[in-house]
Amino acid sequence: YAMGWFRQAPGKEREFVAAIRWSGSST
């Protein structure tokens, strides 16, 4: 699985933070 981090502040839309491929070779 590829995995990612998102974040959301009050009153704001959820936004992308970071992601990583299964192999870890690409971030």
mmCIF file of all heavy atoms, coordinates in Angstrom:
data_MODEL
# 
_entry.id   MODEL 
# 
loop_
_atom_site.group_PDB 
_atom_site.id 
_atom_site.type_symbol 
_atom_site.label_atom_id 
_atom_site.label_alt_id 
_atom_site.label_comp_id 
_atom_site.label_asym_id 
_atom_site.label_entity_id 
_atom_site.label_seq_id 
_atom_site.pdbx_PDB_ins_code 
_atom_site.Cartn_x 
_atom_site.Cartn_y 
_atom_site.Cartn_z 
_atom_site.occupancy 
_atom_site.B_iso_or_equiv 
_atom_site.pdbx_formal_charge 
_atom_site.auth_seq_id 
_atom_site.auth_comp_id 
_atom_site.auth_asym_id 
_atom_site.auth_atom_id 
_atom_site.pdbx_PDB_model_num 
ATOM 1   N N   . TYR A 1 1  ? 0.823   -1.206 0.000  1.00 0.00 ? 1  TYR A N   1 
ATOM 2   C CA  . TYR A 1 1  ? 0.000   0.000  0.000  1.00 0.00 ? 1  TYR A CA  1 
ATOM 3   C C   . TYR A 1 1  ? 0.857   1.256  0.000  1.00 0.00 ? 1  TYR A C   1 
ATOM 4   O O   . TYR A 1 1  ? 1.882   1.324  0.680  1.00 0.00 ? 1  TYR A O   1 
ATOM 5   C CB  . TYR A 1 1  ? -0.895  0.042  1.238  1.00 0.00 ? 1  TYR A CB  1 
ATOM 6   C CG  . TYR A 1 1  ? -2.200  -0.694 1.103  1.00 0.00 ? 1  TYR A CG  1 
ATOM 7   C CD1 . TYR A 1 1  ? -2.234  -2.038 0.771  1.00 0.00 ? 1  TYR A CD1 1 
ATOM 8   C CD2 . TYR A 1 1  ? -3.404  -0.027 1.327  1.00 0.00 ? 1  TYR A CD2 1 
ATOM 9   C CE1 . TYR A 1 1  ? -3.439  -2.705 0.649  1.00 0.00 ? 1  TYR A CE1 1 
ATOM 10  C CE2 . TYR A 1 1  ? -4.609  -0.685 1.218  1.00 0.00 ? 1  TYR A CE2 1 
ATOM 11  C CZ  . TYR A 1 1  ? -4.625  -2.029 0.881  1.00 0.00 ? 1  TYR A CZ  1 
ATOM 12  O OH  . TYR A 1 1  ? -5.821  -2.690 0.780  1.00 0.00 ? 1  TYR A OH  1 
ATOM 13  N N   . ALA A 1 2  ? 0.400   2.227  -0.749 1.00 0.00 ? 2  ALA A N   1 
ATOM 14  C CA  . ALA A 1 2  ? 0.926   3.574  -0.603 1.00 0.00 ? 2  ALA A CA  1 
ATOM 15  C C   . ALA A 1 2  ? 0.214   4.212  0.578  1.00 0.00 ? 2  ALA A C   1 
ATOM 16  O O   . ALA A 1 2  ? -0.958  3.926  0.830  1.00 0.00 ? 2  ALA A O   1 
ATOM 17  C CB  . ALA A 1 2  ? 0.680   4.392  -1.864 1.00 0.00 ? 2  ALA A CB  1 
ATOM 18  N N   . MET A 1 3  ? 0.912   5.065  1.306  1.00 0.00 ? 3  MET A N   1 
ATOM 19  C CA  . MET A 1 3  ? 0.310   5.689  2.475  1.00 0.00 ? 3  MET A CA  1 
ATOM 20  C C   . MET A 1 3  ? 0.600   7.178  2.496  1.00 0.00 ? 3  MET A C   1 
ATOM 21  O O   . MET A 1 3  ? 1.610   7.632  1.945  1.00 0.00 ? 3  MET A O   1 
ATOM 22  C CB  . MET A 1 3  ? 0.812   5.030  3.764  1.00 0.00 ? 3  MET A CB  1 
ATOM 23  C CG  . MET A 1 3  ? 0.498   3.550  3.832  1.00 0.00 ? 3  MET A CG  1 
ATOM 24  S SD  . MET A 1 3  ? 0.762   2.820  5.469  1.00 0.00 ? 3  MET A SD  1 
ATOM 25  C CE  . MET A 1 3  ? -0.623  3.534  6.372  1.00 0.00 ? 3  MET A CE  1 
ATOM 26  N N   . GLY A 1 4  ? -0.284  7.912  3.144  1.00 0.00 ? 4  GLY A N   1 
ATOM 27  C CA  . GLY A 1 4  ? -0.119  9.354  3.188  1.00 0.00 ? 4  GLY A CA  1 
ATOM 28  C C   . GLY A 1 4  ? -0.593  9.958  4.488  1.00 0.00 ? 4  GLY A C   1 
ATOM 29  O O   . GLY A 1 4  ? -1.265  9.308  5.296  1.00 0.00 ? 4  GLY A O   1 
ATOM 30  N N   . TRP A 1 5  ? -0.210  11.196 4.678  1.00 0.00 ? 5  TRP A N   1 
ATOM 31  C CA  . TRP A 1 5  ? -0.667  11.998 5.803  1.00 0.00 ? 5  TRP A CA  1 
ATOM 32  C C   . TRP A 1 5  ? -1.427  13.213 5.276  1.00 0.00 ? 5  TRP A C   1 
ATOM 33  O O   . TRP A 1 5  ? -0.969  13.880 4.344  1.00 0.00 ? 5  TRP A O   1 
ATOM 34  C CB  . TRP A 1 5  ? 0.504   12.489 6.662  1.00 0.00 ? 5  TRP A CB  1 
ATOM 35  C CG  . TRP A 1 5  ? 1.166   11.428 7.485  1.00 0.00 ? 5  TRP A CG  1 
ATOM 36  C CD1 . TRP A 1 5  ? 2.299   10.749 7.192  1.00 0.00 ? 5  TRP A CD1 1 
ATOM 37  C CD2 . TRP A 1 5  ? 0.727   10.952 8.761  1.00 0.00 ? 5  TRP A CD2 1 
ATOM 38  N NE1 . TRP A 1 5  ? 2.612   9.868  8.195  1.00 0.00 ? 5  TRP A NE1 1 
ATOM 39  C CE2 . TRP A 1 5  ? 1.660   9.969  9.179  1.00 0.00 ? 5  TRP A CE2 1 
ATOM 40  C CE3 . TRP A 1 5  ? -0.350  11.244 9.591  1.00 0.00 ? 5  TRP A CE3 1 
ATOM 41  C CZ2 . TRP A 1 5  ? 1.536   9.290  10.391 1.00 0.00 ? 5  TRP A CZ2 1 
ATOM 42  C CZ3 . TRP A 1 5  ? -0.473  10.567 10.794 1.00 0.00 ? 5  TRP A CZ3 1 
ATOM 43  C CH2 . TRP A 1 5  ? 0.465   9.605  11.178 1.00 0.00 ? 5  TRP A CH2 1 
ATOM 44  N N   . PHE A 1 6  ? -2.565  13.474 5.886  1.00 0.00 ? 6  PHE A N   1 
ATOM 45  C CA  . PHE A 1 6  ? -3.357  14.668 5.610  1.00 0.00 ? 6  PHE A CA  1 
ATOM 46  C C   . PHE A 1 6  ? -3.608  15.382 6.927  1.00 0.00 ? 6  PHE A C   1 
ATOM 47  O O   . PHE A 1 6  ? -3.457  14.805 8.009  1.00 0.00 ? 6  PHE A O   1 
ATOM 48  C CB  . PHE A 1 6  ? -4.693  14.300 4.962  1.00 0.00 ? 6  PHE A CB  1 
ATOM 49  C CG  . PHE A 1 6  ? -4.577  13.824 3.544  1.00 0.00 ? 6  PHE A CG  1 
ATOM 50  C CD1 . PHE A 1 6  ? -4.112  12.551 3.257  1.00 0.00 ? 6  PHE A CD1 1 
ATOM 51  C CD2 . PHE A 1 6  ? -4.930  14.651 2.485  1.00 0.00 ? 6  PHE A CD2 1 
ATOM 52  C CE1 . PHE A 1 6  ? -4.000  12.108 1.951  1.00 0.00 ? 6  PHE A CE1 1 
ATOM 53  C CE2 . PHE A 1 6  ? -4.829  14.220 1.178  1.00 0.00 ? 6  PHE A CE2 1 
ATOM 54  C CZ  . PHE A 1 6  ? -4.359  12.949 0.911  1.00 0.00 ? 6  PHE A CZ  1 
ATOM 55  N N   . ARG A 1 7  ? -4.001  16.639 6.840  1.00 0.00 ? 7  ARG A N   1 
ATOM 56  C CA  . ARG A 1 7  ? -4.338  17.373 8.056  1.00 0.00 ? 7  ARG A CA  1 
ATOM 57  C C   . ARG A 1 7  ? -5.514  18.306 7.797  1.00 0.00 ? 7  ARG A C   1 
ATOM 58  O O   . ARG A 1 7  ? -5.753  18.731 6.670  1.00 0.00 ? 7  ARG A O   1 
ATOM 59  C CB  . ARG A 1 7  ? -3.136  18.166 8.579  1.00 0.00 ? 7  ARG A CB  1 
ATOM 60  C CG  . ARG A 1 7  ? -2.677  19.303 7.681  1.00 0.00 ? 7  ARG A CG  1 
ATOM 61  C CD  . ARG A 1 7  ? -1.390  19.913 8.219  1.00 0.00 ? 7  ARG A CD  1 
ATOM 62  N NE  . ARG A 1 7  ? -0.942  21.038 7.415  1.00 0.00 ? 7  ARG A NE  1 
ATOM 63  C CZ  . ARG A 1 7  ? 0.207   21.684 7.598  1.00 0.00 ? 7  ARG A CZ  1 
ATOM 64  N NH1 . ARG A 1 7  ? 1.028   21.297 8.581  1.00 0.00 ? 7  ARG A NH1 1 
ATOM 65  N NH2 . ARG A 1 7  ? 0.538   22.699 6.822  1.00 0.00 ? 7  ARG A NH2 1 
ATOM 66  N N   . GLN A 1 8  ? -6.224  18.622 8.871  1.00 0.00 ? 8  GLN A N   1 
ATOM 67  C CA  . GLN A 1 8  ? -7.376  19.500 8.758  1.00 0.00 ? 8  GLN A CA  1 
ATOM 68  C C   . GLN A 1 8  ? -7.473  20.394 9.987  1.00 0.00 ? 8  GLN A C   1 
ATOM 69  O O   . GLN A 1 8  ? -7.553  19.904 11.114 1.00 0.00 ? 8  GLN A O   1 
ATOM 70  C CB  . GLN A 1 8  ? -8.660  18.695 8.601  1.00 0.00 ? 8  GLN A CB  1 
ATOM 71  C CG  . GLN A 1 8  ? -9.883  19.549 8.341  1.00 0.00 ? 8  GLN A CG  1 
ATOM 72  C CD  . GLN A 1 8  ? -11.087 18.723 7.938  1.00 0.00 ? 8  GLN A CD  1 
ATOM 73  O OE1 . GLN A 1 8  ? -11.182 17.539 8.269  1.00 0.00 ? 8  GLN A OE1 1 
ATOM 74  N NE2 . GLN A 1 8  ? -11.997 19.327 7.206  1.00 0.00 ? 8  GLN A NE2 1 
ATOM 75  N N   . ALA A 1 9  ? -7.461  21.686 9.755  1.00 0.00 ? 9  ALA A N   1 
ATOM 76  C CA  . ALA A 1 9  ? -7.641  22.668 10.808 1.00 0.00 ? 9  ALA A CA  1 
ATOM 77  C C   . ALA A 1 9  ? -9.104  23.075 10.859 1.00 0.00 ? 9  ALA A C   1 
ATOM 78  O O   . ALA A 1 9  ? -9.819  22.964 9.853  1.00 0.00 ? 9  ALA A O   1 
ATOM 79  C CB  . ALA A 1 9  ? -6.760  23.891 10.554 1.00 0.00 ? 9  ALA A CB  1 
ATOM 80  N N   . PRO A 1 10 ? -9.601  23.553 12.008 1.00 0.00 ? 10 PRO A N   1 
ATOM 81  C CA  . PRO A 1 10 ? -11.004 23.962 12.117 1.00 0.00 ? 10 PRO A CA  1 
ATOM 82  C C   . PRO A 1 10 ? -11.382 24.989 11.059 1.00 0.00 ? 10 PRO A C   1 
ATOM 83  O O   . PRO A 1 10 ? -10.663 25.967 10.857 1.00 0.00 ? 10 PRO A O   1 
ATOM 84  C CB  . PRO A 1 10 ? -11.080 24.558 13.524 1.00 0.00 ? 10 PRO A CB  1 
ATOM 85  C CG  . PRO A 1 10 ? -10.010 23.852 14.287 1.00 0.00 ? 10 PRO A CG  1 
ATOM 86  C CD  . PRO A 1 10 ? -8.891  23.692 13.294 1.00 0.00 ? 10 PRO A CD  1 
ATOM 87  N N   . GLY A 1 11 ? -12.487 24.743 10.382 1.00 0.00 ? 11 GLY A N   1 
ATOM 88  C CA  . GLY A 1 11 ? -12.962 25.665 9.371  1.00 0.00 ? 11 GLY A CA  1 
ATOM 89  C C   . GLY A 1 11 ? -12.244 25.590 8.042  1.00 0.00 ? 11 GLY A C   1 
ATOM 90  O O   . GLY A 1 11 ? -12.545 26.373 7.138  1.00 0.00 ? 11 GLY A O   1 
ATOM 91  N N   . LYS A 1 12 ? -11.312 24.668 7.904  1.00 0.00 ? 12 LYS A N   1 
ATOM 92  C CA  . LYS A 1 12 ? -10.560 24.530 6.670  1.00 0.00 ? 12 LYS A CA  1 
ATOM 93  C C   . LYS A 1 12 ? -10.740 23.139 6.071  1.00 0.00 ? 12 LYS A C   1 
ATOM 94  O O   . LYS A 1 12 ? -11.136 22.202 6.756  1.00 0.00 ? 12 LYS A O   1 
ATOM 95  C CB  . LYS A 1 12 ? -9.076  24.802 6.907  1.00 0.00 ? 12 LYS A CB  1 
ATOM 96  C CG  . LYS A 1 12 ? -8.761  26.218 7.361  1.00 0.00 ? 12 LYS A CG  1 
ATOM 97  C CD  . LYS A 1 12 ? -7.265  26.433 7.484  1.00 0.00 ? 12 LYS A CD  1 
ATOM 98  C CE  . LYS A 1 12 ? -6.941  27.856 7.893  1.00 0.00 ? 12 LYS A CE  1 
ATOM 99  N NZ  . LYS A 1 12 ? -5.472  28.065 8.010  1.00 0.00 ? 12 LYS A NZ  1 
ATOM 100 N N   . GLU A 1 13 ? -10.444 23.042 4.788  1.00 0.00 ? 13 GLU A N   1 
ATOM 101 C CA  . GLU A 1 13 ? -10.523 21.757 4.114  1.00 0.00 ? 13 GLU A CA  1 
ATOM 102 C C   . GLU A 1 13 ? -9.331  20.882 4.476  1.00 0.00 ? 13 GLU A C   1 
ATOM 103 O O   . GLU A 1 13 ? -8.256  21.374 4.821  1.00 0.00 ? 13 GLU A O   1 
ATOM 104 C CB  . GLU A 1 13 ? -10.575 21.956 2.598  1.00 0.00 ? 13 GLU A CB  1 
ATOM 105 C CG  . GLU A 1 13 ? -11.807 22.688 2.100  1.00 0.00 ? 13 GLU A CG  1 
ATOM 106 C CD  . GLU A 1 13 ? -11.844 22.813 0.597  1.00 0.00 ? 13 GLU A CD  1 
ATOM 107 O OE1 . GLU A 1 13 ? -10.841 22.463 -0.051 1.00 0.00 ? 13 GLU A OE1 1 
ATOM 108 O OE2 . GLU A 1 13 ? -12.870 23.248 0.066  1.00 0.00 ? 13 GLU A OE2 1 
ATOM 109 N N   . ARG A 1 14 ? -9.541  19.592 4.400  1.00 0.00 ? 14 ARG A N   1 
ATOM 110 C CA  . ARG A 1 14 ? -8.446  18.668 4.626  1.00 0.00 ? 14 ARG A CA  1 
ATOM 111 C C   . ARG A 1 14 ? -7.412  18.834 3.511  1.00 0.00 ? 14 ARG A C   1 
ATOM 112 O O   . ARG A 1 14 ? -7.764  18.918 2.330  1.00 0.00 ? 14 ARG A O   1 
ATOM 113 C CB  . ARG A 1 14 ? -8.974  17.239 4.659  1.00 0.00 ? 14 ARG A CB  1 
ATOM 114 C CG  . ARG A 1 14 ? -7.964  16.223 5.140  1.00 0.00 ? 14 ARG A CG  1 
ATOM 115 C CD  . ARG A 1 14 ? -8.610  14.851 5.311  1.00 0.00 ? 14 ARG A CD  1 
ATOM 116 N NE  . ARG A 1 14 ? -9.710  14.887 6.248  1.00 0.00 ? 14 ARG A NE  1 
ATOM 117 C CZ  . ARG A 1 14 ? -10.395 13.814 6.642  1.00 0.00 ? 14 ARG A CZ  1 
ATOM 118 N NH1 . ARG A 1 14 ? -10.072 12.620 6.170  1.00 0.00 ? 14 ARG A NH1 1 
ATOM 119 N NH2 . ARG A 1 14 ? -11.392 13.941 7.491  1.00 0.00 ? 14 ARG A NH2 1 
ATOM 120 N N   . GLU A 1 15 ? -6.139  18.874 3.881  1.00 0.00 ? 15 GLU A N   1 
ATOM 121 C CA  . GLU A 1 15 ? -5.099  19.096 2.899  1.00 0.00 ? 15 GLU A CA  1 
ATOM 122 C C   . GLU A 1 15 ? -4.011  18.029 2.961  1.00 0.00 ? 15 GLU A C   1 
ATOM 123 O O   . GLU A 1 15 ? -3.727  17.456 4.011  1.00 0.00 ? 15 GLU A O   1 
ATOM 124 C CB  . GLU A 1 15 ? -4.468  20.483 3.070  1.00 0.00 ? 15 GLU A CB  1 
ATOM 125 C CG  . GLU A 1 15 ? -3.718  20.668 4.380  1.00 0.00 ? 15 GLU A CG  1 
ATOM 126 C CD  . GLU A 1 15 ? -3.026  22.016 4.483  1.00 0.00 ? 15 GLU A CD  1 
ATOM 127 O OE1 . GLU A 1 15 ? -3.052  22.784 3.501  1.00 0.00 ? 15 GLU A OE1 1 
ATOM 128 O OE2 . GLU A 1 15 ? -2.453  22.309 5.553  1.00 0.00 ? 15 GLU A OE2 1 
ATOM 129 N N   . PHE A 1 16 ? -3.406  17.812 1.827  1.00 0.00 ? 16 PHE A N   1 
ATOM 130 C CA  . PHE A 1 16 ? -2.329  16.850 1.703  1.00 0.00 ? 16 PHE A CA  1 
ATOM 131 C C   . PHE A 1 16 ? -1.082  17.336 2.424  1.00 0.00 ? 16 PHE A C   1 
ATOM 132 O O   . PHE A 1 16 ? -0.741  18.515 2.370  1.00 0.00 ? 16 PHE A O   1 
ATOM 133 C CB  . PHE A 1 16 ? -2.016  16.632 0.219  1.00 0.00 ? 16 PHE A CB  1 
ATOM 134 C CG  . PHE A 1 16 ? -0.763  15.841 -0.029 1.00 0.00 ? 16 PHE A CG  1 
ATOM 135 C CD1 . PHE A 1 16 ? -0.753  14.465 0.099  1.00 0.00 ? 16 PHE A CD1 1 
ATOM 136 C CD2 . PHE A 1 16 ? 0.407   16.489 -0.404 1.00 0.00 ? 16 PHE A CD2 1 
ATOM 137 C CE1 . PHE A 1 16 ? 0.398   13.733 -0.131 1.00 0.00 ? 16 PHE A CE1 1 
ATOM 138 C CE2 . PHE A 1 16 ? 1.560   15.770 -0.643 1.00 0.00 ? 16 PHE A CE2 1 
ATOM 139 C CZ  . PHE A 1 16 ? 1.557   14.393 -0.503 1.00 0.00 ? 16 PHE A CZ  1 
ATOM 140 N N   . VAL A 1 17 ? -0.396  16.422 3.100  1.00 0.00 ? 17 VAL A N   1 
ATOM 141 C CA  . VAL A 1 17 ? 0.843   16.740 3.797  1.00 0.00 ? 17 VAL A CA  1 
ATOM 142 C C   . VAL A 1 17 ? 2.026   15.994 3.189  1.00 0.00 ? 17 VAL A C   1 
ATOM 143 O O   . VAL A 1 17 ? 3.023   16.596 2.799  1.00 0.00 ? 17 VAL A O   1 
ATOM 144 C CB  . VAL A 1 17 ? 0.755   16.416 5.299  1.00 0.00 ? 17 VAL A CB  1 
ATOM 145 C CG1 . VAL A 1 17 ? 2.093   16.677 5.985  1.00 0.00 ? 17 VAL A CG1 1 
ATOM 146 C CG2 . VAL A 1 17 ? -0.352  17.236 5.954  1.00 0.00 ? 17 VAL A CG2 1 
ATOM 147 N N   . ALA A 1 18 ? 1.923   14.671 3.123  1.00 0.00 ? 18 ALA A N   1 
ATOM 148 C CA  . ALA A 1 18 ? 3.027   13.857 2.618  1.00 0.00 ? 18 ALA A CA  1 
ATOM 149 C C   . ALA A 1 18 ? 2.513   12.482 2.231  1.00 0.00 ? 18 ALA A C   1 
ATOM 150 O O   . ALA A 1 18 ? 1.465   12.038 2.698  1.00 0.00 ? 18 ALA A O   1 
ATOM 151 C CB  . ALA A 1 18 ? 4.133   13.729 3.668  1.00 0.00 ? 18 ALA A CB  1 
ATOM 152 N N   . ALA A 1 19 ? 3.262   11.788 1.380  1.00 0.00 ? 19 ALA A N   1 
ATOM 153 C CA  . ALA A 1 19 ? 2.909   10.432 0.980  1.00 0.00 ? 19 ALA A CA  1 
ATOM 154 C C   . ALA A 1 19 ? 4.170   9.634  0.695  1.00 0.00 ? 19 ALA A C   1 
ATOM 155 O O   . ALA A 1 19 ? 5.238   10.201 0.431  1.00 0.00 ? 19 ALA A O   1 
ATOM 156 C CB  . ALA A 1 19 ? 2.004   10.447 -0.251 1.00 0.00 ? 19 ALA A CB  1 
ATOM 157 N N   . ILE A 1 20 ? 4.026   8.315  0.738  1.00 0.00 ? 20 ILE A N   1 
ATOM 158 C CA  . ILE A 1 20 ? 5.151   7.425  0.498  1.00 0.00 ? 20 ILE A CA  1 
ATOM 159 C C   . ILE A 1 20 ? 4.663   6.168  -0.208 1.00 0.00 ? 20 ILE A C   1 
ATOM 160 O O   . ILE A 1 20 ? 3.604   5.633  0.108  1.00 0.00 ? 20 ILE A O   1 
ATOM 161 C CB  . ILE A 1 20 ? 5.873   7.086  1.830  1.00 0.00 ? 20 ILE A CB  1 
ATOM 162 C CG1 . ILE A 1 20 ? 7.150   6.278  1.579  1.00 0.00 ? 20 ILE A CG1 1 
ATOM 163 C CG2 . ILE A 1 20 ? 4.933   6.348  2.782  1.00 0.00 ? 20 ILE A CG2 1 
ATOM 164 C CD1 . ILE A 1 20 ? 8.029   6.158  2.826  1.00 0.00 ? 20 ILE A CD1 1 
ATOM 165 N N   . ARG A 1 21 ? 5.445   5.710  -1.186 1.00 0.00 ? 21 ARG A N   1 
ATOM 166 C CA  . ARG A 1 21 ? 5.112   4.482  -1.894 1.00 0.00 ? 21 ARG A CA  1 
ATOM 167 C C   . ARG A 1 21 ? 5.421   3.264  -1.042 1.00 0.00 ? 21 ARG A C   1 
ATOM 168 O O   . ARG A 1 21 ? 6.123   3.347  -0.032 1.00 0.00 ? 21 ARG A O   1 
ATOM 169 C CB  . ARG A 1 21 ? 5.892   4.406  -3.211 1.00 0.00 ? 21 ARG A CB  1 
ATOM 170 C CG  . ARG A 1 21 ? 5.590   5.523  -4.200 1.00 0.00 ? 21 ARG A CG  1 
ATOM 171 C CD  . ARG A 1 21 ? 4.232   5.329  -4.814 1.00 0.00 ? 21 ARG A CD  1 
ATOM 172 N NE  . ARG A 1 21 ? 3.985   6.312  -5.868 1.00 0.00 ? 21 ARG A NE  1 
ATOM 173 C CZ  . ARG A 1 21 ? 2.852   6.439  -6.533 1.00 0.00 ? 21 ARG A CZ  1 
ATOM 174 N NH1 . ARG A 1 21 ? 1.833   5.634  -6.266 1.00 0.00 ? 21 ARG A NH1 1 
ATOM 175 N NH2 . ARG A 1 21 ? 2.721   7.366  -7.467 1.00 0.00 ? 21 ARG A NH2 1 
ATOM 176 N N   . TRP A 1 22 ? 4.909   2.118  -1.459 1.00 0.00 ? 22 TRP A N   1 
ATOM 177 C CA  . TRP A 1 22 ? 5.132   0.877  -0.731 1.00 0.00 ? 22 TRP A CA  1 
ATOM 178 C C   . TRP A 1 22 ? 6.620   0.613  -0.509 1.00 0.00 ? 22 TRP A C   1 
ATOM 179 O O   . TRP A 1 22 ? 7.031   0.229  0.596  1.00 0.00 ? 22 TRP A O   1 
ATOM 180 C CB  . TRP A 1 22 ? 4.493   -0.293 -1.476 1.00 0.00 ? 22 TRP A CB  1 
ATOM 181 C CG  . TRP A 1 22 ? 5.099   -1.638 -1.160 1.00 0.00 ? 22 TRP A CG  1 
ATOM 182 C CD1 . TRP A 1 22 ? 5.809   -2.438 -1.995 1.00 0.00 ? 22 TRP A CD1 1 
ATOM 183 C CD2 . TRP A 1 22 ? 5.039   -2.335 0.091  1.00 0.00 ? 22 TRP A CD2 1 
ATOM 184 N NE1 . TRP A 1 22 ? 6.194   -3.583 -1.363 1.00 0.00 ? 22 TRP A NE1 1 
ATOM 185 C CE2 . TRP A 1 22 ? 5.737   -3.553 -0.064 1.00 0.00 ? 22 TRP A CE2 1 
ATOM 186 C CE3 . TRP A 1 22 ? 4.463   -2.048 1.328  1.00 0.00 ? 22 TRP A CE3 1 
ATOM 187 C CZ2 . TRP A 1 22 ? 5.876   -4.477 0.957  1.00 0.00 ? 22 TRP A CZ2 1 
ATOM 188 C CZ3 . TRP A 1 22 ? 4.609   -2.973 2.365  1.00 0.00 ? 22 TRP A CZ3 1 
ATOM 189 C CH2 . TRP A 1 22 ? 5.301   -4.166 2.164  1.00 0.00 ? 22 TRP A CH2 1 
ATOM 190 N N   . SER A 1 23 ? 7.411   0.789  -1.533 1.00 0.00 ? 23 SER A N   1 
ATOM 191 C CA  . SER A 1 23 ? 8.831   0.496  -1.439 1.00 0.00 ? 23 SER A CA  1 
ATOM 192 C C   . SER A 1 23 ? 9.589   1.500  -0.583 1.00 0.00 ? 23 SER A C   1 
ATOM 193 O O   . SER A 1 23 ? 10.702  1.212  -0.134 1.00 0.00 ? 23 SER A O   1 
ATOM 194 C CB  . SER A 1 23 ? 9.450   0.459  -2.835 1.00 0.00 ? 23 SER A CB  1 
ATOM 195 O OG  . SER A 1 23 ? 9.436   1.745  -3.428 1.00 0.00 ? 23 SER A OG  1 
ATOM 196 N N   . GLY A 1 24 ? 9.014   2.668  -0.378 1.00 0.00 ? 24 GLY A N   1 
ATOM 197 C CA  . GLY A 1 24 ? 9.693   3.716  0.354  1.00 0.00 ? 24 GLY A CA  1 
ATOM 198 C C   . GLY A 1 24 ? 10.675  4.503  -0.495 1.00 0.00 ? 24 GLY A C   1 
ATOM 199 O O   . GLY A 1 24 ? 11.296  5.454  -0.010 1.00 0.00 ? 24 GLY A O   1 
ATOM 200 N N   . SER A 1 25 ? 10.806  4.123  -1.753 1.00 0.00 ? 25 SER A N   1 
ATOM 201 C CA  . SER A 1 25 ? 11.772  4.766  -2.629 1.00 0.00 ? 25 SER A CA  1 
ATOM 202 C C   . SER A 1 25 ? 11.322  6.134  -3.123 1.00 0.00 ? 25 SER A C   1 
ATOM 203 O O   . SER A 1 25 ? 12.151  6.936  -3.554 1.00 0.00 ? 25 SER A O   1 
ATOM 204 C CB  . SER A 1 25 ? 12.074  3.863  -3.825 1.00 0.00 ? 25 SER A CB  1 
ATOM 205 O OG  . SER A 1 25 ? 10.911  3.624  -4.589 1.00 0.00 ? 25 SER A OG  1 
ATOM 206 N N   . SER A 1 26 ? 10.034  6.396  -3.063 1.00 0.00 ? 26 SER A N   1 
ATOM 207 C CA  . SER A 1 26 ? 9.496   7.669  -3.519 1.00 0.00 ? 26 SER A CA  1 
ATOM 208 C C   . SER A 1 26 ? 8.664   8.307  -2.421 1.00 0.00 ? 26 SER A C   1 
ATOM 209 O O   . SER A 1 26 ? 7.782   7.665  -1.856 1.00 0.00 ? 26 SER A O   1 
ATOM 210 C CB  . SER A 1 26 ? 8.641   7.486  -4.766 1.00 0.00 ? 26 SER A CB  1 
ATOM 211 O OG  . SER A 1 26 ? 9.412   6.987  -5.846 1.00 0.00 ? 26 SER A OG  1 
ATOM 212 N N   . THR A 1 27 ? 8.965   9.563  -2.135 1.00 0.00 ? 27 THR A N   1 
ATOM 213 C CA  . THR A 1 27 ? 8.196   10.323 -1.154 1.00 0.00 ? 27 THR A CA  1 
ATOM 214 C C   . THR A 1 27 ? 7.733   11.625 -1.778 1.00 0.00 ? 27 THR A C   1 
ATOM 215 O O   . THR A 1 27 ? 8.336   12.132 -2.725 1.00 0.00 ? 27 THR A O   1 
ATOM 216 C CB  . THR A 1 27 ? 9.019   10.615 0.105  1.00 0.00 ? 27 THR A CB  1 
ATOM 217 O OG1 . THR A 1 27 ? 10.227  11.301 -0.260 1.00 0.00 ? 27 THR A OG1 1 
ATOM 218 C CG2 . THR A 1 27 ? 9.390   9.322  0.822  1.00 0.00 ? 27 THR A CG2 1 
# 
